Amino acid sequence: LTHAGLPQTADVQIVSIAELWLPPPPPSNYEIVNQSLVADSPADLQRGFAKGCNAAKAALALAEKARERVHTNFPKWNVNASSSCGSPASELIAKADEWNPDLIVVGSHGRTAIGRFVLGSVSQRVLAEAPCSVRIARGRLEEPDSPVRIIIGLDGSPSSVDAVKAVTARRWPAHSEVKVVVVDDPLFPDFLGDLIPPLGKIIDEDREEERAWVKKISTVPL
């Protein structure tokens, strides 16, 4: 995050989720009475009991540790920590729907495509279903000392334009570099135009239009 060009002030929620494969021990009568006084539904009651298990306490301790580290790197940020129990992806998406953040940051386990197919991927689901931008971080053994380097794929869609605007709105470290890439992807292979001359003419006209669009979108200030 220290290399992400983020603002000096921000409201941050750090969430650690305990993915429980087995339900927590049954509550006592005393716990049932106390929890029922603050719960609005059976689901809230069940969530309250789950938060009291050891896994949830460990998740909260992890979130608190992360909160301290983030606060050290960003002393002007308002950073809070919390924990939850359940499906990590579902809990993160529900939190996003409730809190309406500008950005969600999640990690990646680095699984292969087969591993993601068998085990699923929290980051993939959050990326697909979250109502805001998502940053998927991949850990490094050592942080590089080189300037920040960013590649933006631009295809003329509103989302790609928003990506450019988001990058230009951030405050990056000195000497950072940004490369905007627009790809010229031909519609048909060349040999079709050689076999059918009229089709070749149509292909050439389409390519000229594509190149004109690429040149225009590459030079228009965003």
Protein backbone atom coordinates (compact mmCIF):
# COMPACT_ATOMS: atom_id res chain seq x y z
CA LEU A 1 0.00 0.00 0.00
CA THR A 2 2.94 2.34 0.57
CA HIS A 3 3.58 2.17 -3.21
CA ALA A 4 -0.08 2.54 -4.24
CA GLY A 5 -0.29 6.34 -4.46
CA LEU A 6 -3.04 6.45 -1.83
CA PRO A 7 -4.09 9.70 -0.09
CA GLN A 8 -2.58 10.86 3.17
CA THR A 9 -5.94 10.59 4.97
CA ALA A 10 -8.38 7.70 4.71
CA ASP A 11 -10.91 5.63 6.65
CA VAL A 12 -9.77 2.01 6.69
CA GLN A 13 -11.43 -1.18 7.90
CA ILE A 14 -9.20 -4.22 8.33
CA VAL A 15 -11.25 -7.43 8.39
CA SER A 16 -9.98 -10.91 9.22
CA ILE A 17 -12.46 -13.74 8.68
CA ALA A 18 -12.42 -17.12 10.39
CA GLU A 19 -13.59 -19.76 7.92
CA LEU A 20 -15.16 -22.32 10.25
CA TRP A 21 -15.56 -25.87 8.94
CA LEU A 22 -17.32 -27.00 12.11
CA PRO A 23 -19.89 -25.04 14.15
CA PRO A 24 -18.75 -23.59 17.49
CA PRO A 25 -19.73 -25.35 20.74
CA PRO A 26 -23.38 -24.90 21.74
CA PRO A 27 -23.97 -21.80 23.89
CA SER A 28 -25.07 -21.93 27.49
CA ASN A 29 -28.50 -20.74 28.61
CA TYR A 30 -26.88 -17.60 30.03
CA GLU A 31 -25.24 -16.81 26.66
CA ILE A 32 -28.50 -17.39 24.80
CA VAL A 33 -30.37 -14.91 26.99
CA ASN A 34 -27.69 -12.22 26.75
CA GLN A 35 -27.22 -12.57 23.00
CA SER A 36 -30.95 -12.57 22.30
CA LEU A 37 -31.24 -9.12 23.86
CA VAL A 38 -29.05 -7.56 21.13
CA ALA A 39 -29.76 -9.86 18.17
CA ASP A 40 -32.37 -8.86 15.59
CA SER A 41 -32.68 -12.28 13.93
CA PRO A 42 -31.59 -15.92 14.36
CA ALA A 43 -28.77 -15.25 11.90
CA ASP A 44 -27.49 -12.42 14.10
CA LEU A 45 -27.74 -14.71 17.13
CA GLN A 46 -25.72 -17.43 15.38
CA ARG A 47 -23.12 -14.89 14.23
CA GLY A 48 -22.78 -13.61 17.78
CA PHE A 49 -22.06 -17.08 19.11
CA ALA A 50 -19.54 -17.76 16.34
CA LYS A 51 -17.59 -14.62 17.19
CA GLY A 52 -16.93 -16.04 20.64
CA CYS A 53 -15.08 -19.11 19.39
CA ASN A 54 -11.28 -19.41 19.47
CA ALA A 55 -10.95 -19.08 15.69
CA ALA A 56 -12.80 -15.75 15.72
CA LYS A 57 -10.64 -14.48 18.58
CA ALA A 58 -7.51 -15.45 16.65
CA ALA A 59 -8.85 -13.66 13.55
CA LEU A 60 -9.46 -10.49 15.58
CA ALA A 61 -5.93 -10.66 17.02
CA LEU A 62 -4.57 -10.94 13.47
CA ALA A 63 -6.63 -7.94 12.35
CA GLU A 64 -5.39 -5.90 15.32
CA LYS A 65 -1.79 -6.75 14.44
CA ALA A 66 -2.39 -5.63 10.87
CA ARG A 67 -4.07 -2.45 12.12
CA GLU A 68 -0.96 -1.52 14.09
CA ARG A 69 1.28 -2.07 11.07
CA VAL A 70 -0.93 -0.04 8.73
CA HIS A 71 -1.21 2.77 11.30
CA THR A 72 2.59 2.84 11.57
CA ASN A 73 2.98 3.27 7.79
CA PHE A 74 0.05 5.68 7.49
CA PRO A 75 -0.18 7.64 10.78
CA LYS A 76 -2.88 10.00 9.47
CA TRP A 77 -5.24 7.19 8.51
CA ASN A 78 -8.22 6.28 10.68
CA VAL A 79 -7.74 2.50 10.90
CA ASN A 80 -10.12 0.06 12.60
CA ALA A 81 -9.94 -3.72 12.95
CA SER A 82 -12.71 -6.30 13.12
CA SER A 83 -13.27 -10.01 12.63
CA SER A 84 -16.05 -12.18 11.30
CA CYS A 85 -16.90 -15.83 10.74
CA GLY A 86 -18.09 -17.60 7.61
CA SER A 87 -17.17 -17.63 3.95
CA PRO A 88 -14.34 -15.08 3.47
CA ALA A 89 -15.56 -13.94 0.06
CA SER A 90 -19.20 -13.62 1.16
CA GLU A 91 -18.26 -11.76 4.33
CA LEU A 92 -16.01 -9.32 2.46
CA ILE A 93 -18.66 -8.62 -0.18
CA ALA A 94 -21.32 -8.15 2.52
CA LYS A 95 -18.99 -5.74 4.34
CA ALA A 96 -18.45 -3.82 1.12
CA ASP A 97 -22.20 -3.57 0.49
CA GLU A 98 -22.64 -2.26 4.02
CA TRP A 99 -19.69 0.13 4.21
CA ASN A 100 -19.51 1.26 0.54
CA PRO A 101 -15.69 1.55 0.27
CA ASP A 102 -13.72 3.06 -2.60
CA LEU A 103 -11.21 0.19 -2.65
CA ILE A 104 -10.94 -3.38 -1.37
CA VAL A 105 -7.48 -4.89 -0.88
CA VAL A 106 -7.13 -8.68 -0.68
CA GLY A 107 -4.22 -11.08 -0.92
CA SER A 108 -3.59 -13.94 -3.31
CA HIS A 109 -2.51 -17.44 -2.31
CA GLY A 110 -0.85 -17.89 -5.70
CA ARG A 111 -2.70 -21.08 -6.56
CA THR A 112 -2.61 -22.48 -10.07
CA ALA A 113 -5.70 -22.49 -12.29
CA ILE A 114 -6.44 -26.08 -11.23
CA GLY A 115 -6.09 -25.13 -7.57
CA ARG A 116 -8.54 -22.27 -7.99
CA PHE A 117 -11.00 -24.57 -9.77
CA VAL A 118 -10.89 -27.19 -7.01
CA LEU A 119 -10.58 -24.94 -3.96
CA GLY A 120 -12.14 -21.74 -5.24
CA SER A 121 -10.55 -18.32 -4.90
CA VAL A 122 -11.57 -15.63 -2.44
CA SER A 123 -9.81 -12.92 -4.43
CA GLN A 124 -11.40 -14.04 -7.73
CA ARG A 125 -14.92 -13.89 -6.30
CA VAL A 126 -14.37 -10.56 -4.55
CA LEU A 127 -12.95 -9.16 -7.79
CA ALA A 128 -16.01 -10.32 -9.75
CA GLU A 129 -18.75 -9.37 -7.28
CA ALA A 130 -17.50 -6.39 -5.26
CA PRO A 131 -19.27 -3.06 -5.91
CA CYS A 132 -15.97 -1.11 -6.10
CA SER A 133 -12.37 -1.37 -7.29
CA VAL A 134 -10.36 -4.34 -5.97
CA ARG A 135 -6.59 -4.57 -5.53
CA ILE A 136 -5.15 -8.10 -5.36
CA ALA A 137 -1.72 -8.06 -3.72
CA ARG A 138 0.92 -10.71 -4.27
CA GLY A 139 3.62 -10.87 -1.62
CA ARG A 140 7.31 -10.43 -2.36
CA LEU A 141 10.30 -11.60 -0.40
CA GLU A 142 11.87 -8.17 -0.77
CA GLU A 143 10.35 -4.82 -1.63
CA PRO A 144 12.09 -3.29 -4.67
CA ASP A 145 13.77 0.11 -4.35
CA SER A 146 12.96 1.03 -7.95
CA PRO A 147 10.23 3.58 -8.78
CA VAL A 148 6.63 2.47 -9.14
CA ARG A 149 5.83 1.15 -12.64
CA ILE A 150 2.22 0.71 -13.80
CA ILE A 151 0.65 -0.72 -16.95
CA ILE A 152 -2.91 0.29 -17.88
CA GLY A 153 -4.80 -1.57 -20.59
CA LEU A 154 -7.04 0.84 -22.51
CA ASP A 155 -9.85 -0.30 -24.81
CA GLY A 156 -12.12 2.74 -24.87
CA SER A 157 -14.61 1.31 -22.37
CA PRO A 158 -15.83 3.50 -19.47
CA SER A 159 -14.07 1.21 -16.99
CA SER A 160 -10.70 1.54 -18.70
CA VAL A 161 -11.07 5.32 -18.83
CA ASP A 162 -11.94 5.29 -15.12
CA ALA A 163 -8.77 3.30 -14.49
CA VAL A 164 -6.69 6.01 -16.17
CA LYS A 165 -8.46 8.73 -14.19
CA ALA A 166 -7.91 6.82 -10.94
CA VAL A 167 -4.19 6.54 -11.61
CA THR A 168 -3.84 10.22 -12.54
CA ALA A 169 -5.75 11.25 -9.39
CA ARG A 170 -3.32 9.51 -7.02
CA ARG A 171 -0.08 10.92 -5.62
CA TRP A 172 2.72 8.60 -6.70
CA PRO A 173 6.33 8.62 -5.49
CA ALA A 174 8.85 10.62 -7.49
CA HIS A 175 10.06 9.10 -10.78
CA SER A 176 7.08 6.73 -11.05
CA GLU A 177 6.26 5.50 -14.56
CA VAL A 178 2.93 4.70 -16.21
CA LYS A 179 2.54 2.96 -19.58
CA VAL A 180 -0.87 3.02 -21.29
CA VAL A 181 -1.24 0.08 -23.69
CA VAL A 182 -3.76 -0.11 -26.54
CA VAL A 183 -3.65 -3.37 -28.49
CA ASP A 184 -4.35 -3.58 -32.22
CA ASP A 185 -6.01 -7.00 -32.56
CA PRO A 186 -6.78 -7.90 -36.24
CA LEU A 187 -10.17 -9.48 -36.79
CA PHE A 188 -9.13 -12.01 -39.46
CA PRO A 189 -5.90 -13.73 -40.44
CA ASP A 190 -4.13 -12.39 -43.53
CA PHE A 191 -4.49 -15.55 -45.58
CA LEU A 192 -8.29 -15.08 -45.81
CA GLY A 193 -7.74 -11.78 -47.61
CA ASP A 194 -5.29 -13.46 -49.98
CA LEU A 195 -7.82 -16.19 -50.85
CA ILE A 196 -10.80 -13.85 -51.22
CA PRO A 197 -9.75 -10.40 -52.55
CA PRO A 198 -13.08 -8.62 -51.77
CA LEU A 199 -12.87 -9.89 -48.20
CA GLY A 200 -9.27 -8.68 -48.04
CA LYS A 201 -10.41 -5.16 -48.90
CA ILE A 202 -13.00 -5.23 -46.13
CA ILE A 203 -10.39 -6.49 -43.68
CA ASP A 204 -8.00 -3.69 -44.64
CA GLU A 205 -10.75 -1.07 -44.19
CA ASP A 206 -11.60 -2.47 -40.75
CA ARG A 207 -7.95 -2.39 -39.74
CA GLU A 208 -7.58 1.21 -40.87
CA GLU A 209 -10.60 2.16 -38.76
CA GLU A 210 -9.11 0.30 -35.80
CA ARG A 211 -5.74 2.03 -36.19
CA ALA A 212 -7.44 5.43 -36.49
CA TRP A 213 -9.36 4.69 -33.27
CA VAL A 214 -6.16 3.58 -31.51
CA LYS A 215 -4.37 6.76 -32.58
CA LYS A 216 -7.28 8.95 -31.48
CA ILE A 217 -7.73 7.34 -28.08
CA SER A 218 -3.99 7.37 -27.44
CA THR A 219 -3.72 11.12 -27.98
CA VAL A 220 -6.91 12.42 -26.35
CA PRO A 221 -6.23 13.76 -22.82
CA LEU A 222 -8.17 11.83 -20.17
